């Protein structure tokens, strides 16, 4: 396997980014051979971070050089666990609270990011600037603009960026999508994703002082938060807009990415997006919807629909999957292995498709292969895939955030000009009414506007453009700013 070539070596130079990256150096990725040890720093050590550790520790000739977390208790617990696994051998992994110290170590080849969403893009950018390859949990971005900067940083410094969307490593999914695009199957009309997994109320907790074990400034990083709240740390930050993106761009990122992956390859962003939903039944301080139906339309007329449904009830149907509606009336269901219902048929039959092209070995091994090859295109779910998939979710969320309250009933549906979309919304409405028990006119939907979007400029146009464009970029704290394109 070839080593990283000289075209990917860059002169170190200072940059006035306003960030706290102490060296502010532009470094190249360390050249690796096929058998070289890959030294990784894992950042964020709770749920997903433990999965990152387990994934990379199971690979040959991969070393966990650092573990990083701003919570000293979490950091100490992780180091103790690693020491126990090491047994009599000395523990070589170092613990740090601050990613910037790790990025100064020229012997670190890659970083693996499992921090909260509001950190993902900045860590990706800093990593690229320091010449580190990046495995970043989904979603790669917390907003549209920072995702573009992260993508351009990956391009400029030639580093591998792989998105934490494991389904990109599934040859069965890749094969179905290839068949939808090469004429083997009828053309795709609608790609539909579901993120329907039960969650629970997070209650309400008062603001207070951060515990002594937590470096609050490092935890919040770029997110502008006035006060510490225990409902943020260490998981429920998902349900607040300044730190998370709701389940649409949490678990739903996987199904959103699969849906967008099925869209024709020459499409980047949708030109329209709208959403309707609410946070029903829980009466807590969470901000993001626990119920949502959203749509997006691409320039070529293909559409993505999405369904979030988290409120548990008797008979709850767990759905974390994708469906495909084809122009000839066929419907395809499944994941990796598929069934198809042909036009005029009431039943599904097995659908055989040839496996598609993916870098083998699963998501962790694919990343290491790409790093050793010095080839970003080998990543299963690269920076471009990540950006376009994440923006799809951001636009849907932004429509919801700009919505107005409308009584909970069928008339809240504003997709009348698209019978396909209206039909799927009404299915969700029936579940919330008859299953969850939300009474007609006894609560409110938040109904978002139909936003229009320029895929090339990555800006909103038309009605609601001013308000929608204001949501394309979050404000940042001093020292943790997302740099301008000219500053990367």
Protein backbone atom coordinates (compact mmCIF):
# COMPACT_ATOMS: atom_id res chain seq x y z
CA UNK A 1 0.00 0.00 0.00
CA UNK A 2 1.46 3.39 -0.92
CA UNK A 3 2.48 5.84 1.76
CA UNK A 4 1.12 9.36 1.90
CA UNK A 5 2.77 11.28 -0.92
CA UNK A 6 4.59 14.59 -0.77
CA UNK A 7 1.60 16.47 -2.19
CA UNK A 8 0.01 16.10 1.24
CA UNK A 9 2.88 17.70 3.14
CA UNK A 10 2.27 21.28 4.06
CA UNK A 11 4.46 24.01 5.52
CA UNK A 12 3.67 24.87 9.10
CA UNK A 13 2.37 28.41 9.34
CA UNK A 14 0.65 30.62 11.88
CA UNK A 15 -2.99 31.55 11.43
CA UNK A 16 -5.10 34.12 13.21
CA UNK A 17 -8.09 31.83 13.65
CA UNK A 18 -9.04 33.17 17.05
CA UNK A 19 -9.06 29.58 18.33
CA UNK A 20 -7.07 28.24 21.24
CA UNK A 21 -5.13 25.75 19.13
CA UNK A 22 -1.87 26.71 20.80
CA UNK A 23 0.56 26.01 18.01
CA UNK A 24 -1.82 27.21 15.28
CA UNK A 25 0.34 25.15 12.94
CA UNK A 26 -0.69 23.67 9.61
CA UNK A 27 0.75 20.18 9.74
CA UNK A 28 0.76 17.31 7.31
CA UNK A 29 -0.41 13.81 8.09
CA UNK A 30 2.44 11.51 9.11
CA UNK A 31 3.35 9.17 6.26
CA UNK A 32 2.38 5.59 7.06
CA UNK A 33 3.22 2.30 5.45
CA UNK A 34 0.92 -0.68 5.14
CA UNK A 35 2.17 -2.23 8.39
CA UNK A 36 2.77 0.90 10.44
CA UNK A 37 1.17 1.26 13.84
CA UNK A 38 -1.66 3.81 13.81
CA UNK A 39 -1.78 5.92 16.99
CA UNK A 40 -5.24 7.28 17.81
CA UNK A 41 -6.65 9.68 20.40
CA UNK A 42 -10.27 9.01 21.42
CA UNK A 43 -12.11 12.14 22.52
CA UNK A 44 -15.28 11.86 24.60
CA UNK A 45 -15.36 8.76 26.77
CA UNK A 46 -18.97 8.03 27.61
CA UNK A 47 -21.38 5.86 25.53
CA UNK A 48 -20.10 6.20 21.98
CA UNK A 49 -16.56 6.87 23.13
CA UNK A 50 -16.43 3.44 24.73
CA UNK A 51 -17.58 1.97 21.43
CA UNK A 52 -14.75 3.82 19.66
CA UNK A 53 -12.24 2.39 22.13
CA UNK A 54 -13.57 -1.13 21.70
CA UNK A 55 -13.67 -0.82 17.93
CA UNK A 56 -10.12 0.39 17.46
CA UNK A 57 -8.59 -1.79 20.20
CA UNK A 58 -9.85 -4.83 18.33
CA UNK A 59 -7.71 -4.05 15.27
CA UNK A 60 -4.17 -5.15 14.56
CA UNK A 61 -1.37 -2.65 15.05
CA UNK A 62 -3.61 0.16 16.30
CA UNK A 63 -2.69 1.93 19.53
CA UNK A 64 -4.86 4.13 21.74
CA UNK A 65 -2.32 6.87 22.38
CA UNK A 66 -4.63 9.22 24.31
CA UNK A 67 -8.06 9.29 25.86
CA UNK A 68 -9.56 12.76 26.28
CA UNK A 69 -12.48 14.02 28.37
CA UNK A 70 -13.16 17.24 30.32
CA UNK A 71 -14.73 15.21 33.15
CA UNK A 72 -11.91 13.99 35.39
CA UNK A 73 -14.03 11.19 36.84
CA UNK A 74 -14.86 9.85 33.39
CA UNK A 75 -11.22 10.17 32.35
CA UNK A 76 -9.93 8.37 35.46
CA UNK A 77 -12.52 5.61 35.11
CA UNK A 78 -11.53 5.03 31.49
CA UNK A 79 -7.83 4.91 32.26
CA UNK A 80 -8.48 2.46 35.08
CA UNK A 81 -10.44 0.24 32.70
CA UNK A 82 -7.65 0.33 30.14
CA UNK A 83 -5.06 -0.49 32.81
CA UNK A 84 -7.11 -3.50 33.87
CA UNK A 85 -7.26 -4.73 30.28
CA UNK A 86 -3.51 -4.24 29.93
CA UNK A 87 -2.91 -6.59 32.85
CA UNK A 88 0.78 -6.83 33.73
CA UNK A 89 1.84 -4.80 30.71
CA UNK A 90 2.50 -1.09 31.29
CA UNK A 91 -0.31 1.23 30.19
CA UNK A 92 0.96 3.45 27.38
CA UNK A 93 -2.27 5.40 26.90
CA UNK A 94 -2.18 8.94 28.26
CA UNK A 95 -5.12 10.89 29.65
CA UNK A 96 -5.84 14.53 28.80
CA UNK A 97 -8.72 16.94 29.33
CA UNK A 98 -7.96 19.20 26.37
CA UNK A 99 -7.80 18.08 22.73
CA UNK A 100 -5.39 20.90 21.90
CA UNK A 101 -2.57 19.27 23.88
CA UNK A 102 -3.08 16.03 21.96
CA UNK A 103 -2.96 17.80 18.61
CA UNK A 104 0.52 19.09 19.46
CA UNK A 105 1.86 15.53 19.58
CA UNK A 106 3.34 14.80 16.16
CA UNK A 107 3.24 11.07 16.81
CA UNK A 108 -0.56 11.00 16.93
CA UNK A 109 -1.91 9.92 13.55
CA UNK A 110 -5.65 10.27 14.06
CA UNK A 111 -8.35 11.47 16.39
CA UNK A 112 -11.68 9.76 16.99
CA UNK A 113 -14.40 12.17 18.09
CA UNK A 114 -17.25 11.07 20.36
CA UNK A 115 -17.81 14.41 22.09
CA UNK A 116 -21.21 16.19 22.04
CA UNK A 117 -22.48 17.42 18.66
CA UNK A 118 -21.55 21.07 19.18
CA UNK A 119 -17.86 20.06 19.25
CA UNK A 120 -17.79 17.79 16.18
CA UNK A 121 -16.94 20.28 13.44
CA UNK A 122 -14.41 22.32 15.40
CA UNK A 123 -12.52 19.21 16.46
CA UNK A 124 -12.59 17.97 12.86
CA UNK A 125 -11.21 21.30 11.63
CA UNK A 126 -8.53 21.46 14.30
CA UNK A 127 -7.58 17.87 13.58
CA UNK A 128 -7.23 18.52 9.85
CA UNK A 129 -5.15 21.64 10.50
CA UNK A 130 -2.84 19.60 12.71
CA UNK A 131 -2.46 16.90 10.05
CA UNK A 132 -4.51 14.30 11.92
CA UNK A 133 -6.94 11.95 10.24
CA UNK A 134 -10.41 12.14 11.76
CA UNK A 135 -13.11 9.64 12.64
CA UNK A 136 -16.06 11.80 13.72
CA UNK A 137 -19.31 10.65 15.25
CA UNK A 138 -22.55 11.58 13.55
CA UNK A 139 -23.54 14.27 12.87
CA UNK A 140 -20.27 15.76 11.62
CA UNK A 141 -21.76 19.23 11.99
CA UNK A 142 -24.06 21.02 14.38
CA UNK A 143 -25.04 23.57 11.72
CA UNK A 144 -24.75 24.09 7.97
CA UNK A 145 -21.89 26.59 7.83
CA UNK A 146 -19.52 24.75 10.16
CA UNK A 147 -20.08 21.57 8.15
CA UNK A 148 -18.89 23.31 4.99
CA UNK A 149 -15.77 24.58 6.81
CA UNK A 150 -15.02 21.08 8.10
CA UNK A 151 -15.38 19.67 4.59
CA UNK A 152 -13.08 22.29 3.09
CA UNK A 153 -10.50 21.75 5.86
CA UNK A 154 -10.48 18.03 5.10
CA UNK A 155 -9.94 18.79 1.41
CA UNK A 156 -7.22 21.36 2.00
CA UNK A 157 -5.09 19.22 4.29
CA UNK A 158 -5.77 15.94 2.51
CA UNK A 159 -6.64 14.05 5.67
CA UNK A 160 -9.03 11.13 5.88
CA UNK A 161 -12.36 12.04 7.47
CA UNK A 162 -14.78 9.19 8.09
CA UNK A 163 -18.29 9.85 9.43
CA UNK A 164 -19.70 7.61 12.16
CA UNK A 165 -22.43 6.24 9.89
CA UNK A 166 -21.75 2.51 10.08
CA UNK A 167 -24.30 1.66 7.41
CA UNK A 168 -21.89 3.09 4.83
CA UNK A 169 -19.86 -0.08 5.43
CA UNK A 170 -22.76 -2.35 4.44
CA UNK A 171 -22.20 -3.82 0.96
CA UNK A 172 -25.87 -4.82 0.77
CA UNK A 173 -27.06 -1.23 1.12
CA UNK A 174 -24.41 -0.05 -1.33
CA UNK A 175 -25.56 -2.68 -3.82
CA UNK A 176 -29.23 -1.69 -3.62
CA UNK A 177 -28.37 1.96 -4.18
CA UNK A 178 -26.18 1.08 -7.16
CA UNK A 179 -29.08 -0.91 -8.65
CA UNK A 180 -31.43 2.05 -8.17
CA UNK A 181 -29.03 4.31 -10.05
CA UNK A 182 -27.75 2.12 -12.90
CA UNK A 183 -31.14 1.07 -14.27
CA UNK A 184 -31.20 -2.43 -12.79
CA UNK A 185 -34.25 -1.33 -10.77
CA UNK A 186 -36.90 1.27 -11.61
CA UNK A 187 -35.92 4.84 -10.73
CA UNK A 188 -36.24 6.01 -7.12
CA UNK A 189 -39.06 8.44 -6.35
CA UNK A 190 -38.99 8.71 -2.54
CA UNK A 191 -36.38 7.59 0.00
CA UNK A 192 -38.01 7.29 3.42
CA UNK A 193 -36.20 7.09 6.77
CA UNK A 194 -37.54 6.19 10.21
CA UNK A 195 -36.07 7.02 13.61
CA UNK A 196 -38.77 5.52 15.80
CA UNK A 197 -37.23 4.30 19.05
CA UNK A 198 -38.78 4.91 22.48
CA UNK A 199 -37.28 7.53 24.75
CA UNK A 200 -38.50 9.16 27.93
CA UNK A 201 -39.02 12.54 29.54
CA UNK A 202 -35.89 14.21 30.90
CA UNK A 203 -37.87 16.19 33.49
CA UNK A 204 -36.80 19.66 34.57
CA UNK A 205 -33.65 20.53 36.50
CA UNK A 206 -32.51 23.94 37.74
CA UNK A 207 -29.33 25.66 36.58
CA UNK A 208 -26.46 25.43 39.03
CA UNK A 209 -22.70 25.20 39.40
CA UNK A 210 -20.74 22.63 37.44
CA UNK A 211 -19.31 19.85 39.60
CA UNK A 212 -15.64 20.14 40.54
CA UNK A 213 -14.71 17.14 38.38
CA UNK A 214 -16.02 18.80 35.19
CA UNK A 215 -14.13 21.49 33.28
CA UNK A 216 -17.26 23.36 32.19
CA UNK A 217 -15.44 25.73 29.82
CA UNK A 218 -13.95 22.80 27.94
CA UNK A 219 -17.23 20.87 27.91
CA UNK A 220 -19.22 23.70 26.37
CA UNK A 221 -16.36 24.78 24.05
CA UNK A 222 -17.98 26.57 21.09
CA UNK A 223 -21.56 26.37 22.47
CA UNK A 224 -22.79 29.65 23.97
CA UNK A 225 -24.43 28.53 27.22
CA UNK A 226 -25.20 31.00 29.97
CA UNK A 227 -25.33 28.46 32.79
CA UNK A 228 -24.45 24.90 33.66
CA UNK A 229 -27.46 22.60 33.85
CA UNK A 230 -27.21 18.96 35.01
CA UNK A 231 -29.71 17.96 32.32
CA UNK A 232 -27.02 18.58 29.72
CA UNK A 233 -24.30 16.33 31.08
CA UNK A 234 -23.66 13.66 29.92
CA UNK A 235 -26.42 12.67 27.49
CA UNK A 236 -29.48 14.90 27.44
CA UNK A 237 -27.61 17.66 25.61
CA UNK A 238 -29.06 15.87 22.54
CA UNK A 239 -32.45 17.50 23.23
CA UNK A 240 -31.31 21.15 23.37
CA UNK A 241 -30.66 23.20 20.24
CA UNK A 242 -27.38 24.81 21.38
CA UNK A 243 -25.71 21.45 21.92
CA UNK A 244 -27.72 18.81 20.05
CA UNK A 245 -29.90 18.31 16.99
CA UNK A 246 -32.73 16.17 18.33
CA UNK A 247 -33.26 12.56 17.32
CA UNK A 248 -33.58 13.57 13.65
CA UNK A 249 -29.84 14.26 13.52
CA UNK A 250 -28.91 11.91 16.35
CA UNK A 251 -29.97 8.30 15.72
CA UNK A 252 -31.78 9.61 12.66
CA UNK A 253 -28.52 10.66 11.03
CA UNK A 254 -27.95 7.02 10.09
CA UNK A 255 -31.29 6.70 8.31
CA UNK A 256 -31.07 10.20 6.82
CA UNK A 257 -27.67 9.34 5.39
CA UNK A 258 -28.98 6.10 3.89
CA UNK A 259 -31.93 7.97 2.36
CA UNK A 260 -29.69 10.65 0.83
CA UNK A 261 -27.24 7.97 -0.35
CA UNK A 262 -30.06 6.55 -2.49
CA UNK A 263 -30.65 9.89 -4.24
CA UNK A 264 -28.96 10.30 -7.64
CA UNK A 265 -25.23 10.94 -7.31
CA UNK A 266 -25.32 14.33 -9.05
CA UNK A 267 -27.57 15.80 -6.35
CA UNK A 268 -26.02 17.62 -3.39
CA UNK A 269 -28.58 19.52 -1.29
CA UNK A 270 -32.37 19.71 -1.47
CA UNK A 271 -34.05 22.83 -2.82
CA UNK A 272 -37.04 22.56 -0.49
CA UNK A 273 -37.55 21.32 3.08
CA UNK A 274 -40.38 21.42 5.60
CA UNK A 275 -41.26 19.76 8.90
CA UNK A 276 -44.15 19.34 11.32
CA UNK A 277 -44.07 17.84 14.80
CA UNK A 278 -43.99 18.53 18.50
CA UNK A 279 -42.74 17.49 21.91
CA UNK A 280 -45.81 15.65 23.12
CA UNK A 281 -46.77 14.05 26.44
CA UNK A 282 -43.57 14.68 28.39
CA UNK A 283 -43.86 18.28 29.71
CA UNK A 284 -40.11 18.58 30.30
CA UNK A 285 -37.42 21.14 29.53
CA UNK A 286 -36.20 19.46 26.35
CA UNK A 287 -36.46 21.64 23.24
CA UNK A 288 -36.22 19.28 20.28
CA UNK A 289 -39.27 17.38 18.95
CA UNK A 290 -40.04 13.85 20.07
CA UNK A 291 -42.39 13.52 17.09
CA UNK A 292 -41.64 14.82 13.62
CA UNK A 293 -42.57 14.32 10.00
CA UNK A 294 -40.30 16.05 7.49
CA UNK A 295 -39.77 16.21 3.75
CA UNK A 296 -37.11 17.49 1.38
CA UNK A 297 -37.11 17.74 -2.40
CA UNK A 298 -34.02 17.69 -4.62
CA UNK A 299 -33.52 19.60 -7.88
CA UNK A 300 -34.22 16.42 -9.89
CA UNK A 301 -37.58 15.90 -8.18
CA UNK A 302 -36.54 13.00 -5.96
CA UNK A 303 -37.64 13.31 -2.35
CA UNK A 304 -36.60 12.27 1.15
CA UNK A 305 -39.25 11.79 3.83
CA UNK A 306 -38.45 11.28 7.48
CA UNK A 307 -40.35 10.15 10.56
CA UNK A 308 -39.25 10.65 14.19
CA UNK A 309 -41.43 9.01 16.82
CA UNK A 310 -40.11 8.66 20.40
CA UNK A 311 -43.18 8.67 22.67
CA UNK A 312 -43.71 5.17 24.01
CA UNK A 313 -47.17 3.59 24.26
CA UNK A 314 -48.75 0.14 24.35
CA UNK A 315 -48.18 -1.45 20.97
CA UNK A 316 -45.29 0.85 20.04
CA UNK A 317 -43.70 -0.15 16.75
CA UNK A 318 -39.93 0.20 16.85
CA UNK A 319 -38.69 1.35 13.42
CA UNK A 320 -35.11 2.34 12.72
CA UNK A 321 -34.98 1.60 9.04
CA UNK A 322 -35.46 2.85 5.48
CA UNK A 323 -38.00 2.31 2.71
CA UNK A 324 -37.80 3.06 -1.00
CA UNK A 325 -40.73 4.08 -3.21
CA UNK A 326 -40.03 3.71 -6.92
CA UNK A 327 -41.52 5.51 -9.90
CA UNK A 328 -43.23 2.36 -11.19
CA UNK A 329 -45.10 1.94 -7.88
CA UNK A 330 -42.78 -0.67 -6.35
CA UNK A 331 -41.85 -0.48 -2.66
CA UNK A 332 -38.58 -1.87 -1.22
CA UNK A 333 -38.07 -2.57 2.48
CA UNK A 334 -35.24 -4.02 4.54
CA UNK A 335 -31.63 -3.21 5.34
CA UNK A 336 -28.77 -4.95 3.58
CA UNK A 337 -31.16 -7.74 2.55
CA UNK A 338 -34.35 -6.59 0.86
CA UNK A 339 -37.89 -7.42 -0.12
CA UNK A 340 -39.91 -5.75 -2.88
CA UNK A 341 -43.63 -5.34 -3.46
CA UNK A 342 -44.24 -5.07 -7.18
CA UNK A 343 -47.02 -2.93 -8.68
CA UNK A 344 -50.38 -4.70 -8.41
CA UNK A 345 -49.16 -7.13 -5.74
CA UNK A 346 -50.28 -7.25 -2.10
CA UNK A 347 -47.22 -9.12 -0.85
CA UNK A 348 -43.47 -8.69 -0.68
CA UNK A 349 -40.96 -11.04 -2.31
CA UNK A 350 -37.22 -11.40 -1.82
CA UNK A 351 -35.11 -8.99 -3.85
CA UNK A 352 -31.66 -10.17 -4.89
CA UNK A 353 -29.07 -7.47 -5.52
CA UNK A 354 -25.34 -7.73 -6.08
CA UNK A 355 -23.15 -6.45 -3.23
CA UNK A 356 -21.92 -2.91 -3.70
CA UNK A 357 -18.45 -1.47 -3.34
CA UNK A 358 -17.31 -0.59 0.17
CA UNK A 359 -13.93 -0.68 1.87
CA UNK A 360 -14.07 -4.04 3.69
CA UNK A 361 -13.71 -4.76 7.39
CA UNK A 362 -16.49 -2.64 8.84
CA UNK A 363 -16.41 1.01 9.85
CA UNK A 364 -13.38 0.87 12.15
CA UNK A 365 -11.20 -1.16 9.80
CA UNK A 366 -12.25 0.93 6.79
CA UNK A 367 -10.98 4.05 8.54
CA UNK A 368 -7.64 2.44 9.40
CA UNK A 369 -7.28 1.19 5.82
CA UNK A 370 -7.90 4.70 4.49
CA UNK A 371 -5.39 6.15 6.97
CA UNK A 372 -2.69 3.64 6.03
CA UNK A 373 -3.31 4.25 2.34
CA UNK A 374 -3.47 8.02 2.83
CA UNK A 375 -6.61 7.94 0.66
CA UNK A 376 -9.72 9.84 1.87
CA UNK A 377 -11.84 8.18 -0.83
CA UNK A 378 -11.48 4.82 0.94
CA UNK A 379 -13.41 6.06 3.97
CA UNK A 380 -16.87 4.53 4.17
CA UNK A 381 -18.78 7.79 4.55
CA UNK A 382 -16.28 10.55 3.80
CA UNK A 383 -16.42 14.27 4.60
CA UNK A 384 -18.55 15.08 1.54
CA UNK A 385 -21.05 12.33 2.35
CA UNK A 386 -21.17 13.60 5.93
CA UNK A 387 -21.78 17.21 4.97
CA UNK A 388 -24.58 16.56 2.50
CA UNK A 389 -26.32 14.10 4.79
CA UNK A 390 -26.10 16.38 7.83
CA UNK A 391 -27.37 19.44 5.95
CA UNK A 392 -30.45 17.48 4.92
CA UNK A 393 -31.29 17.09 8.61
CA UNK A 394 -30.35 20.67 9.51
CA UNK A 395 -32.77 22.07 6.91
CA UNK A 396 -35.60 19.91 8.22
CA UNK A 397 -34.84 20.93 11.80
CA UNK A 398 -34.65 24.60 10.84
CA UNK A 399 -38.11 24.48 9.30
CA UNK A 400 -39.44 23.00 12.52
CA UNK A 401 -37.69 25.66 14.61
CA UNK A 402 -39.31 28.41 12.53
CA UNK A 403 -42.76 26.86 12.81
CA UNK A 404 -45.95 28.17 14.32
CA UNK A 405 -48.31 26.35 16.67
CA UNK A 406 -51.40 24.86 15.01
CA UNK A 407 -54.08 22.71 16.68
CA UNK A 408 -53.37 18.98 16.66
CA UNK A 409 -55.60 17.65 13.89
CA UNK A 410 -55.42 16.44 10.32
CA UNK A 411 -55.83 19.96 8.97
CA UNK A 412 -52.39 20.84 10.32
CA UNK A 413 -50.96 18.98 7.33
CA UNK A 414 -49.79 21.48 4.72
CA UNK A 415 -48.56 18.99 2.16
CA UNK A 416 -51.80 18.93 0.17
CA UNK A 417 -50.01 19.62 -3.11
CA UNK A 418 -48.14 16.33 -2.70
CA UNK A 419 -50.50 13.40 -2.05
CA UNK A 420 -47.56 11.03 -1.36
CA UNK A 421 -46.26 13.28 1.41
CA UNK A 422 -49.70 13.93 2.89
CA UNK A 423 -50.44 10.20 3.00
CA UNK A 424 -47.34 9.47 5.08
CA UNK A 425 -47.96 12.38 7.45
CA UNK A 426 -51.51 11.17 8.10
CA UNK A 427 -50.17 7.73 9.07
CA UNK A 428 -48.04 9.38 11.75
CA UNK A 429 -50.96 11.53 12.88
CA UNK A 430 -53.13 8.45 13.36
CA UNK A 431 -50.45 6.81 15.50
CA UNK A 432 -50.16 9.87 17.73
CA UNK A 433 -53.95 10.21 18.00
CA UNK A 434 -54.99 6.58 18.37
CA UNK A 435 -51.85 5.06 19.86
CA UNK A 436 -50.30 7.73 22.05
CA UNK A 437 -53.72 9.21 22.77
CA UNK A 438 -53.18 12.84 21.87
CA UNK A 439 -56.74 14.25 21.60
CA UNK A 440 -57.81 16.11 18.49
CA UNK A 441 -57.38 19.84 19.16
CA UNK A 442 -56.11 18.95 22.63
CA UNK A 443 -52.54 19.89 21.88
CA UNK A 444 -50.54 21.71 19.18
CA UNK A 445 -48.35 20.77 16.28
CA UNK A 446 -45.46 23.03 15.41
CA UNK A 447 -45.82 23.49 11.66
CA UNK A 448 -42.71 24.72 9.89
CA UNK A 449 -42.65 26.72 6.67
CA UNK A 450 -41.58 25.31 3.33
CA UNK A 451 -38.00 26.59 3.14
CA UNK A 452 -36.27 27.02 -0.20
CA UNK A 453 -32.53 26.52 -0.49
CA UNK A 454 -29.81 27.27 -3.03
CA UNK A 455 -27.61 24.13 -3.11
CA UNK A 456 -24.62 25.95 -4.62
CA UNK A 457 -24.59 28.98 -2.34
CA UNK A 458 -25.81 26.98 0.67
CA UNK A 459 -28.18 29.81 1.52
CA UNK A 460 -31.95 30.08 1.84
CA UNK A 461 -33.94 32.05 -0.71
CA UNK A 462 -37.50 33.31 -0.97
CA UNK A 463 -39.98 33.50 1.89
CA UNK A 464 -38.52 33.06 5.39
CA UNK A 465 -34.96 33.41 4.01
CA UNK A 466 -33.80 35.95 6.58
CA UNK A 467 -34.94 33.91 9.57
CA UNK A 468 -33.76 30.62 8.05
CA UNK A 469 -30.32 31.96 7.13
CA UNK A 470 -29.86 33.10 10.72
CA UNK A 471 -30.01 29.42 11.73
CA UNK A 472 -27.27 28.34 9.31
CA UNK A 473 -24.52 29.29 11.77
CA UNK A 474 -24.55 29.18 15.57
CA UNK A 475 -22.68 31.81 17.58
CA UNK A 476 -19.47 30.60 19.25
CA UNK A 477 -17.59 31.38 22.43
CA UNK A 478 -14.36 33.37 22.20
CA UNK A 479 -11.43 31.06 21.64
CA UNK A 480 -13.63 28.33 20.19
CA UNK A 481 -14.79 30.01 16.99
CA UNK A 482 -15.35 28.10 13.79
CA UNK A 483 -12.83 29.75 11.44
CA UNK A 484 -13.76 31.47 8.21
CA UNK A 485 -12.90 29.65 4.98
CA UNK A 486 -9.99 32.01 4.46
CA UNK A 487 -8.58 31.05 7.88
CA UNK A 488 -8.37 27.31 7.43
